[in-house]
Amino acid sequence: MAASGFTGAVAAVWPAAGAVCALPAAAVAVQRVHSGAHYPSDVAAGAAIGGIGAWSIRRLPRLLRRVIL
C-alpha cells in the first residue's frame, strides 16, 4: 500500500520518476506474493488503497476549497 501510494503521488507530479518508482513497487508486490506473506488479492487491495490515497491527497485542497467556499 505504501509503495503504491508513494508511486502514485510521485507519478502525479513527475511522471518519469513515477515510472522509475513503479519498478521497485511492483517488485515488492511480486515478492510479497511469492514469499507467501500475502495473497494476490491482498496485494491488489493494497495497491488500490495506496492509489486512492495518493489521488485523494493530491485532490484534497481543491475539494476543501469547493466545500468551504
C-alpha atoms as a PDB file:
ATOM      1  CA  MET A   1       0.000   0.000   0.000  1.00  0.00           C
ATOM      2  CA  ALA A   2       2.761   2.424   0.929  1.00  0.00           C
ATOM      3  CA  ALA A   3       4.778   1.692  -2.197  1.00  0.00           C
ATOM      4  CA  SER A   4       1.724   2.180  -4.406  1.00  0.00           C
ATOM      5  CA  GLY A   5       0.734   5.369  -2.654  1.00  0.00           C
ATOM      6  CA  PHE A   6       4.225   6.787  -2.933  1.00  0.00           C
ATOM      7  CA  THR A   7       4.446   5.817  -6.598  1.00  0.00           C
ATOM      8  CA  GLY A   8       1.075   7.382  -7.333  1.00  0.00           C
ATOM      9  CA  ALA A   9       1.994  10.606  -5.563  1.00  0.00           C
ATOM     10  CA  VAL A  10       5.327  10.877  -7.359  1.00  0.00           C
ATOM     11  CA  ALA A  11       3.832   9.994 -10.754  1.00  0.00           C
ATOM     12  CA  ALA A  12       1.236  12.757 -10.438  1.00  0.00           C
ATOM     13  CA  VAL A  13       3.958  15.365 -10.050  1.00  0.00           C
ATOM     14  CA  TRP A  14       6.831  13.856 -12.037  1.00  0.00           C
ATOM     15  CA  PRO A  15       5.738  11.084 -14.454  1.00  0.00           C
ATOM     16  CA  ALA A  16       9.263   9.953 -15.358  1.00  0.00           C
ATOM     17  CA  ALA A  17      10.209   9.466 -11.716  1.00  0.00           C
ATOM     18  CA  GLY A  18       6.875   7.769 -11.116  1.00  0.00           C
ATOM     19  CA  ALA A  19       7.727   5.227 -13.789  1.00  0.00           C
ATOM     20  CA  VAL A  20      11.053   4.572 -12.084  1.00  0.00           C
ATOM     21  CA  CYS A  21       9.316   4.203  -8.693  1.00  0.00           C
ATOM     22  CA  ALA A  22       6.817   1.752 -10.178  1.00  0.00           C
ATOM     23  CA  LEU A  23       9.537  -0.843 -10.793  1.00  0.00           C
ATOM     24  CA  PRO A  24      10.501  -1.422  -7.141  1.00  0.00           C
ATOM     25  CA  ALA A  25       6.846  -1.127  -6.082  1.00  0.00           C
ATOM     26  CA  ALA A  26       5.934  -3.917  -8.480  1.00  0.00           C
ATOM     27  CA  ALA A  27       8.934  -5.959  -7.312  1.00  0.00           C
ATOM     28  CA  VAL A  28       7.786  -5.633  -3.700  1.00  0.00           C
ATOM     29  CA  ALA A  29       4.273  -6.729  -4.668  1.00  0.00           C
ATOM     30  CA  VAL A  30       5.554  -9.800  -6.510  1.00  0.00           C
ATOM     31  CA  GLN A  31       7.920 -10.681  -3.672  1.00  0.00           C
ATOM     32  CA  ARG A  32       5.153 -10.478  -1.064  1.00  0.00           C
ATOM     33  CA  VAL A  33       3.012 -12.933  -3.031  1.00  0.00           C
ATOM     34  CA  HIS A  34       5.939 -15.208  -3.908  1.00  0.00           C
ATOM     35  CA  SER A  35       7.098 -15.456  -0.284  1.00  0.00           C
ATOM     36  CA  GLY A  36       3.590 -16.360   0.842  1.00  0.00           C
ATOM     37  CA  ALA A  37       3.256 -13.281   3.038  1.00  0.00           C
ATOM     38  CA  HIS A  38       0.169 -12.104   1.128  1.00  0.00           C
ATOM     39  CA  TYR A  39      -2.414 -13.394  -1.293  1.00  0.00           C
ATOM     40  CA  PRO A  40      -2.636 -11.687  -4.701  1.00  0.00           C
ATOM     41  CA  SER A  41      -5.942 -10.136  -3.617  1.00  0.00           C
ATOM     42  CA  ASP A  42      -4.181  -8.572  -0.607  1.00  0.00           C
ATOM     43  CA  VAL A  43      -1.594  -7.003  -2.878  1.00  0.00           C
ATOM     44  CA  ALA A  44      -4.250  -5.748  -5.310  1.00  0.00           C
ATOM     45  CA  ALA A  45      -6.299  -4.248  -2.478  1.00  0.00           C
ATOM     46  CA  GLY A  46      -3.208  -2.571  -1.038  1.00  0.00           C
ATOM     47  CA  ALA A  47      -2.329  -1.125  -4.428  1.00  0.00           C
ATOM     48  CA  ALA A  48      -5.874   0.184  -4.841  1.00  0.00           C
ATOM     49  CA  ILE A  49      -5.915   1.746  -1.369  1.00  0.00           C
ATOM     50  CA  GLY A  50      -2.499   3.314  -1.960  1.00  0.00           C
ATOM     51  CA  GLY A  51      -3.599   4.719  -5.313  1.00  0.00           C
ATOM     52  CA  ILE A  52      -6.825   6.094  -3.858  1.00  0.00           C
ATOM     53  CA  GLY A  53      -4.856   7.632  -1.005  1.00  0.00           C
ATOM     54  CA  ALA A  54      -2.420   9.323  -3.381  1.00  0.00           C
ATOM     55  CA  TRP A  55      -5.279  10.592  -5.541  1.00  0.00           C
ATOM     56  CA  SER A  56      -7.264  11.938  -2.594  1.00  0.00           C
ATOM     57  CA  ILE A  57      -4.285  13.694  -1.008  1.00  0.00           C
ATOM     58  CA  ARG A  58      -3.492  15.309  -4.347  1.00  0.00           C
ATOM     59  CA  ARG A  59      -7.131  16.446  -4.791  1.00  0.00           C
ATOM     60  CA  LEU A  60      -7.909  17.308  -1.156  1.00  0.00           C
ATOM     61  CA  PRO A  61      -7.074  21.048  -1.335  1.00  0.00           C
ATOM     62  CA  ARG A  62      -9.389  21.513  -4.339  1.00  0.00           C
ATOM     63  CA  LEU A  63     -12.173  19.558  -2.687  1.00  0.00           C
ATOM     64  CA  LEU A  64     -11.883  21.532   0.530  1.00  0.00           C
ATOM     65  CA  ARG A  65     -11.971  24.854  -1.324  1.00  0.00           C
ATOM     66  CA  ARG A  66     -15.203  23.841  -3.040  1.00  0.00           C
ATOM     67  CA  VAL A  67     -16.771  22.807   0.241  1.00  0.00           C
ATOM     68  CA  ILE A  68     -15.569  25.795   2.293  1.00  0.00           C
ATOM     69  CA  LEU A  69     -16.064  28.473  -0.352  1.00  0.00           C
END
